């Protein structure tokens, strides 16, 4: 049995702008004007941080729901530290409104089910090919 796959595509629109298509949704990606972009969308690195923060947020909500933990609030902030053409460090800060005694277990559970943090933590094989 083969593993399920997910495909997202991007189409260049000139300068440093492209539109990313995922299912029914289109997301602009661009660079700031200071580096030649048109600043009409988030940078790809911001989209990476957005993917991590949104996935981790939903993973915490999922883990809380599975354990019957009611959340008063939940927000996640991700900060990436640039080092050349990559991030050298990522920090996830979670503000979760629940009993302090369960917070760490809840975050550990979320870490296990968050696809994006697991992919970054254990990078997959990647192949680039021309078609």
N, C-alpha and C. Protein backbone atom coordinates (compact mmCIF):
# COMPACT_ATOMS: atom_id res chain seq x y z
N UNK A 1 0.85 -1.18 0.00
CA UNK A 1 0.00 0.00 0.00
C UNK A 1 0.89 1.24 0.00
N UNK A 2 0.62 2.18 -0.90
CA UNK A 2 1.43 3.39 -0.96
C UNK A 2 0.92 4.42 0.05
N UNK A 3 1.83 5.28 0.45
CA UNK A 3 1.49 6.33 1.41
C UNK A 3 0.71 7.44 0.71
N UNK A 4 -0.20 8.10 1.42
CA UNK A 4 -0.91 9.23 0.81
C UNK A 4 0.06 10.37 0.54
N UNK A 5 -0.27 11.15 -0.46
CA UNK A 5 0.58 12.30 -0.81
C UNK A 5 -0.25 13.57 -0.83
N UNK A 6 0.43 14.68 -0.82
CA UNK A 6 -0.20 16.00 -0.90
C UNK A 6 0.66 16.83 -1.83
N UNK A 7 0.03 17.49 -2.79
CA UNK A 7 0.77 18.31 -3.74
C UNK A 7 0.24 19.73 -3.70
N UNK A 8 1.16 20.68 -3.65
CA UNK A 8 0.86 22.11 -3.70
C UNK A 8 1.73 22.67 -4.82
N UNK A 9 1.20 23.64 -5.58
CA UNK A 9 1.98 24.17 -6.69
C UNK A 9 2.13 25.69 -6.57
N UNK A 10 3.15 26.21 -7.25
CA UNK A 10 3.38 27.66 -7.28
C UNK A 10 3.61 28.08 -8.72
N UNK A 11 3.07 29.23 -9.08
CA UNK A 11 3.25 29.78 -10.42
C UNK A 11 3.85 31.17 -10.31
N UNK A 12 4.97 31.36 -11.00
CA UNK A 12 5.69 32.63 -10.98
C UNK A 12 4.88 33.70 -11.69
N UNK A 13 4.81 34.90 -11.10
CA UNK A 13 4.05 36.01 -11.65
C UNK A 13 4.93 37.20 -12.00
N UNK A 14 6.25 37.02 -12.01
CA UNK A 14 7.18 38.10 -12.31
C UNK A 14 7.84 38.60 -11.04
N UNK A 15 8.94 39.30 -11.23
CA UNK A 15 9.76 39.78 -10.11
C UNK A 15 10.01 38.60 -9.16
N UNK A 16 9.70 38.76 -7.88
CA UNK A 16 9.86 37.66 -6.92
C UNK A 16 8.52 37.28 -6.33
N UNK A 17 7.48 37.32 -7.15
CA UNK A 17 6.13 37.00 -6.68
C UNK A 17 5.63 35.73 -7.36
N UNK A 18 4.91 34.94 -6.60
CA UNK A 18 4.24 33.77 -7.16
C UNK A 18 2.94 33.55 -6.40
N UNK A 19 2.06 32.79 -7.01
CA UNK A 19 0.84 32.35 -6.34
C UNK A 19 0.96 30.87 -6.05
N UNK A 20 0.68 30.51 -4.83
CA UNK A 20 0.72 29.12 -4.39
C UNK A 20 -0.72 28.61 -4.40
N UNK A 21 -0.94 27.48 -5.05
CA UNK A 21 -2.27 26.90 -5.09
C UNK A 21 -2.28 25.61 -4.30
N UNK A 22 -3.22 25.55 -3.37
CA UNK A 22 -3.42 24.38 -2.54
C UNK A 22 -4.91 24.09 -2.51
N UNK A 23 -5.32 23.06 -3.23
CA UNK A 23 -6.74 22.76 -3.31
C UNK A 23 -7.49 23.95 -3.90
N UNK A 24 -8.47 24.44 -3.17
CA UNK A 24 -9.29 25.57 -3.62
C UNK A 24 -8.70 26.93 -3.26
N UNK A 25 -7.56 26.94 -2.61
CA UNK A 25 -7.02 28.17 -2.06
C UNK A 25 -5.79 28.65 -2.82
N UNK A 26 -5.67 29.97 -2.96
CA UNK A 26 -4.50 30.59 -3.56
C UNK A 26 -3.89 31.53 -2.53
N UNK A 27 -2.59 31.38 -2.35
CA UNK A 27 -1.85 32.18 -1.36
C UNK A 27 -0.73 32.90 -2.09
N UNK A 28 -0.68 34.23 -1.99
CA UNK A 28 0.44 34.93 -2.63
C UNK A 28 1.72 34.74 -1.82
N UNK A 29 2.83 34.67 -2.52
CA UNK A 29 4.15 34.66 -1.87
C UNK A 29 5.00 35.68 -2.60
N UNK A 30 5.78 36.44 -1.87
CA UNK A 30 6.54 37.53 -2.47
C UNK A 30 7.73 37.84 -1.57
N UNK A 31 8.53 38.75 -2.02
CA UNK A 31 9.65 39.26 -1.23
C UNK A 31 9.43 40.75 -1.03
N UNK A 32 10.05 41.34 -0.03
CA UNK A 32 9.92 42.78 0.19
C UNK A 32 10.50 43.57 -0.99
N UNK A 33 10.02 44.79 -1.16
CA UNK A 33 10.53 45.66 -2.22
C UNK A 33 12.02 45.89 -2.08
N UNK A 34 12.53 45.89 -0.84
CA UNK A 34 13.95 46.16 -0.59
C UNK A 34 14.87 45.12 -1.23
N UNK A 35 14.34 43.94 -1.58
CA UNK A 35 15.16 42.91 -2.22
C UNK A 35 14.66 42.57 -3.62
N UNK A 36 13.81 43.45 -4.19
CA UNK A 36 13.36 43.26 -5.56
C UNK A 36 11.97 42.69 -5.72
N UNK A 37 11.28 42.43 -4.63
CA UNK A 37 9.92 41.93 -4.71
C UNK A 37 8.91 43.06 -4.82
N UNK A 38 7.64 42.69 -4.77
CA UNK A 38 6.58 43.70 -4.84
C UNK A 38 5.82 43.82 -3.52
N UNK A 39 6.21 43.02 -2.52
CA UNK A 39 5.62 43.05 -1.19
C UNK A 39 4.10 42.86 -1.22
N UNK A 40 3.65 41.94 -2.09
CA UNK A 40 2.22 41.66 -2.21
C UNK A 40 1.80 40.38 -1.49
N UNK A 41 2.68 39.85 -0.70
CA UNK A 41 2.35 38.64 0.07
C UNK A 41 3.48 38.34 1.02
N UNK A 42 3.27 37.37 1.89
CA UNK A 42 4.33 36.99 2.82
C UNK A 42 5.50 36.34 2.09
N UNK A 43 6.67 36.44 2.69
CA UNK A 43 7.85 35.78 2.15
C UNK A 43 7.71 34.27 2.34
N UNK A 44 8.35 33.47 1.49
CA UNK A 44 8.29 32.02 1.68
C UNK A 44 8.73 31.58 3.08
N UNK A 45 9.73 32.25 3.65
CA UNK A 45 10.16 31.87 5.00
C UNK A 45 9.07 32.18 6.03
N UNK A 46 8.30 33.26 5.79
CA UNK A 46 7.18 33.55 6.68
C UNK A 46 6.09 32.48 6.53
N UNK A 47 5.91 31.99 5.31
CA UNK A 47 4.93 30.92 5.10
C UNK A 47 5.36 29.64 5.82
N UNK A 48 6.67 29.38 5.86
CA UNK A 48 7.16 28.23 6.61
C UNK A 48 6.83 28.38 8.09
N UNK A 49 7.09 29.58 8.64
CA UNK A 49 6.77 29.83 10.04
C UNK A 49 5.26 29.78 10.27
N UNK A 50 4.49 30.24 9.29
CA UNK A 50 3.03 30.18 9.39
C UNK A 50 2.56 28.73 9.41
N UNK A 51 3.16 27.90 8.57
CA UNK A 51 2.80 26.48 8.55
C UNK A 51 3.09 25.84 9.90
N UNK A 52 4.24 26.16 10.47
CA UNK A 52 4.61 25.59 11.77
C UNK A 52 3.69 26.09 12.88
N UNK A 53 3.42 27.39 12.91
CA UNK A 53 2.59 27.93 14.00
C UNK A 53 1.14 27.45 13.87
N UNK A 54 0.61 27.38 12.67
CA UNK A 54 -0.78 26.93 12.52
C UNK A 54 -0.91 25.45 12.81
N UNK A 55 0.04 24.64 12.34
CA UNK A 55 -0.03 23.21 12.60
C UNK A 55 0.10 22.92 14.09
N UNK A 56 1.02 23.62 14.76
CA UNK A 56 1.21 23.38 16.19
C UNK A 56 -0.02 23.83 16.98
N UNK A 57 -0.63 24.93 16.57
CA UNK A 57 -1.86 25.40 17.22
C UNK A 57 -2.94 24.33 17.14
N UNK A 58 -3.14 23.79 15.93
CA UNK A 58 -4.18 22.77 15.75
C UNK A 58 -3.81 21.47 16.47
N UNK A 59 -2.53 21.16 16.55
CA UNK A 59 -2.09 19.96 17.27
C UNK A 59 -2.37 20.09 18.77
N UNK A 60 -2.15 21.27 19.34
CA UNK A 60 -2.46 21.49 20.76
C UNK A 60 -3.97 21.36 20.98
N UNK A 61 -4.76 21.98 20.09
CA UNK A 61 -6.22 21.89 20.22
C UNK A 61 -6.68 20.44 20.12
N UNK A 62 -6.11 19.69 19.20
CA UNK A 62 -6.44 18.27 19.02
C UNK A 62 -6.08 17.47 20.28
N UNK A 63 -4.86 17.67 20.77
CA UNK A 63 -4.40 16.93 21.96
C UNK A 63 -5.28 17.27 23.16
N UNK A 64 -5.66 18.52 23.31
CA UNK A 64 -6.54 18.92 24.43
C UNK A 64 -7.91 18.27 24.28
N UNK A 65 -8.45 18.29 23.09
CA UNK A 65 -9.76 17.69 22.85
C UNK A 65 -9.75 16.20 23.16
N UNK A 66 -8.72 15.50 22.73
CA UNK A 66 -8.61 14.05 22.97
C UNK A 66 -8.52 13.72 24.46
N UNK A 67 -8.02 14.65 25.25
CA UNK A 67 -7.85 14.42 26.69
C UNK A 67 -8.94 15.08 27.52
N UNK A 68 -9.90 15.70 26.85
CA UNK A 68 -10.99 16.35 27.56
C UNK A 68 -10.55 17.59 28.32
N UNK A 69 -9.49 18.22 27.85
CA UNK A 69 -8.97 19.43 28.50
C UNK A 69 -9.61 20.65 27.84
N UNK A 70 -10.27 21.45 28.62
CA UNK A 70 -10.88 22.67 28.09
C UNK A 70 -9.84 23.78 28.07
N UNK A 71 -9.76 24.46 26.93
CA UNK A 71 -8.80 25.55 26.76
C UNK A 71 -9.52 26.89 26.84
N UNK A 72 -9.04 27.75 27.72
CA UNK A 72 -9.61 29.10 27.82
C UNK A 72 -9.13 29.95 26.65
N UNK A 73 -7.91 29.70 26.19
CA UNK A 73 -7.34 30.39 25.04
C UNK A 73 -6.16 29.58 24.53
N UNK A 74 -5.75 29.87 23.31
CA UNK A 74 -4.60 29.20 22.72
C UNK A 74 -4.03 30.08 21.62
N UNK A 75 -2.75 30.39 21.71
CA UNK A 75 -2.06 31.07 20.62
C UNK A 75 -0.62 30.56 20.57
N UNK A 76 -0.10 30.54 19.36
CA UNK A 76 1.25 30.03 19.14
C UNK A 76 2.02 31.05 18.32
N UNK A 77 3.23 31.35 18.76
CA UNK A 77 4.11 32.26 18.04
C UNK A 77 5.40 31.51 17.71
N UNK A 78 5.82 31.57 16.46
CA UNK A 78 7.05 30.89 16.03
C UNK A 78 8.04 31.95 15.54
N UNK A 79 9.26 31.86 16.03
CA UNK A 79 10.33 32.78 15.63
C UNK A 79 11.44 31.97 14.99
N UNK A 80 11.87 32.40 13.81
CA UNK A 80 13.00 31.77 13.13
C UNK A 80 14.19 32.70 13.15
N UNK A 81 15.35 32.14 13.40
CA UNK A 81 16.61 32.89 13.39
C UNK A 81 17.34 32.57 12.10
N UNK A 82 17.56 33.60 11.27
CA UNK A 82 18.24 33.41 9.99
C UNK A 82 19.72 33.13 10.20
N UNK A 83 20.25 32.25 9.36
CA UNK A 83 21.68 31.97 9.30
C UNK A 83 21.97 31.65 7.84
N UNK A 84 22.34 32.67 7.08
CA UNK A 84 22.54 32.47 5.64
C UNK A 84 21.20 32.13 4.99
N UNK A 85 21.21 31.18 4.07
CA UNK A 85 19.96 30.86 3.36
C UNK A 85 19.11 29.81 4.07
N UNK A 86 19.07 29.86 5.38
CA UNK A 86 18.27 28.91 6.15
C UNK A 86 18.01 29.47 7.54
N UNK A 87 17.11 28.82 8.25
CA UNK A 87 16.94 29.13 9.67
C UNK A 87 17.88 28.22 10.46
N UNK A 88 18.60 28.79 11.39
CA UNK A 88 19.47 27.98 12.25
C UNK A 88 18.75 27.57 13.52
N UNK A 89 17.67 28.27 13.84
CA UNK A 89 16.92 27.94 15.05
C UNK A 89 15.46 28.35 14.86
N UNK A 90 14.59 27.56 15.45
CA UNK A 90 13.16 27.85 15.48
C UNK A 90 12.70 27.75 16.93
N UNK A 91 11.91 28.72 17.34
CA UNK A 91 11.38 28.69 18.70
C UNK A 91 9.85 28.78 18.62
N UNK A 92 9.20 27.86 19.30
CA UNK A 92 7.73 27.83 19.36
C UNK A 92 7.33 28.24 20.77
N UNK A 93 6.57 29.34 20.87
CA UNK A 93 6.04 29.78 22.17
C UNK A 93 4.54 29.55 22.16
N UNK A 94 4.07 28.82 23.15
CA UNK A 94 2.66 28.46 23.22
C UNK A 94 2.04 29.11 24.44
N UNK A 95 1.01 29.90 24.22
CA UNK A 95 0.22 30.49 25.31
C UNK A 95 -1.09 29.71 25.34
N UNK A 96 -1.18 28.82 26.31
CA UNK A 96 -2.36 27.95 26.37
C UNK A 96 -3.04 28.11 27.73
N UNK A 97 -4.32 28.37 27.68
CA UNK A 97 -5.10 28.58 28.89
C UNK A 97 -5.68 27.28 29.41
N UNK A 98 -4.90 26.59 30.23
CA UNK A 98 -5.37 25.38 30.89
C UNK A 98 -4.61 25.22 32.19
N UNK A 99 -4.97 24.24 32.95
CA UNK A 99 -4.32 23.97 34.23
C UNK A 99 -2.82 23.78 34.04
N UNK A 100 -2.02 24.45 34.83
CA UNK A 100 -0.56 24.39 34.71
C UNK A 100 -0.03 22.97 34.83
N UNK A 101 -0.71 22.12 35.58
CA UNK A 101 -0.25 20.76 35.80
C UNK A 101 -0.26 19.91 34.53
N UNK A 102 -1.06 20.30 33.53
CA UNK A 102 -1.15 19.48 32.30
C UNK A 102 -0.48 20.13 31.09
N UNK A 103 0.01 21.35 31.23
CA UNK A 103 0.57 22.07 30.08
C UNK A 103 1.70 21.32 29.40
N UNK A 104 2.70 20.88 30.15
CA UNK A 104 3.85 20.20 29.54
C UNK A 104 3.44 18.91 28.84
N UNK A 105 2.59 18.11 29.47
CA UNK A 105 2.11 16.88 28.82
C UNK A 105 1.33 17.20 27.56
N UNK A 106 0.56 18.26 27.60
CA UNK A 106 -0.23 18.66 26.44
C UNK A 106 0.69 19.06 25.29
N UNK A 107 1.74 19.83 25.57
CA UNK A 107 2.67 20.24 24.53
C UNK A 107 3.47 19.06 23.99
N UNK A 108 3.84 18.12 24.85
CA UNK A 108 4.52 16.91 24.39
C UNK A 108 3.61 16.12 23.45
N UNK A 109 2.36 16.00 23.79
CA UNK A 109 1.41 15.28 22.93
C UNK A 109 1.25 16.00 21.60
N UNK A 110 1.14 17.32 21.63
CA UNK A 110 1.01 18.09 20.40
C UNK A 110 2.24 17.92 19.53
N UNK A 111 3.42 17.88 20.14
CA UNK A 111 4.65 17.68 19.38
C UNK A 111 4.64 16.36 18.62
N UNK A 112 4.04 15.35 19.20
CA UNK A 112 3.99 14.04 18.55
C UNK A 112 3.08 14.02 17.34
N UNK A 113 2.03 14.85 17.31
CA UNK A 113 1.05 14.79 16.22
C UNK A 113 1.17 15.94 15.22
N UNK A 114 2.03 16.91 15.46
CA UNK A 114 2.18 18.05 14.54
C UNK A 114 3.04 17.63 13.34
N UNK A 115 2.42 17.54 12.19
CA UNK A 115 3.11 17.12 10.97
C UNK A 115 4.27 18.05 10.62
N UNK A 116 4.07 19.34 10.76
CA UNK A 116 5.10 20.29 10.33
C UNK A 116 6.31 20.23 11.25
N UNK A 117 6.11 20.25 12.56
CA UNK A 117 7.27 20.19 13.46
C UNK A 117 7.98 18.85 13.34
N UNK A 118 7.25 17.78 13.13
CA UNK A 118 7.88 16.47 12.93
C UNK A 118 8.68 16.42 11.64
N UNK A 119 8.19 17.06 10.59
CA UNK A 119 8.91 17.10 9.31
C UNK A 119 10.19 17.91 9.44
N UNK A 120 10.13 19.03 10.15
CA UNK A 120 11.33 19.85 10.35
C UNK A 120 12.32 19.13 11.25
N UNK A 121 11.83 18.51 12.29
CA UNK A 121 12.69 17.81 13.24
C UNK A 121 13.39 16.61 12.60
N UNK A 122 12.71 15.93 11.71
CA UNK A 122 13.24 14.74 11.03
C UNK A 122 13.05 14.94 9.53
N UNK A 123 13.92 15.70 8.88
CA UNK A 123 13.71 16.07 7.48
C UNK A 123 13.58 14.86 6.57
N UNK A 124 12.65 14.94 5.63
CA UNK A 124 12.50 13.85 4.68
C UNK A 124 13.56 13.94 3.57
N UNK A 125 13.68 12.87 2.82
CA UNK A 125 14.53 12.92 1.63
C UNK A 125 13.88 13.91 0.66
N UNK A 126 14.68 14.70 -0.02
CA UNK A 126 14.13 15.67 -0.96
C UNK A 126 14.87 15.52 -2.29
N UNK A 127 14.09 15.53 -3.35
CA UNK A 127 14.65 15.42 -4.69
C UNK A 127 14.14 16.59 -5.51
N UNK A 128 15.00 17.22 -6.28
CA UNK A 128 14.62 18.30 -7.18
C UNK A 128 14.88 17.80 -8.59
N UNK A 129 13.86 17.89 -9.46
CA UNK A 129 14.02 17.41 -10.82
C UNK A 129 13.30 18.31 -11.80
N UNK A 130 13.85 18.43 -12.96
CA UNK A 130 13.23 19.23 -14.03
C UNK A 130 12.22 18.34 -14.76
N UNK A 131 11.13 18.95 -15.21
CA UNK A 131 10.13 18.20 -16.00
C UNK A 131 9.96 18.83 -17.35
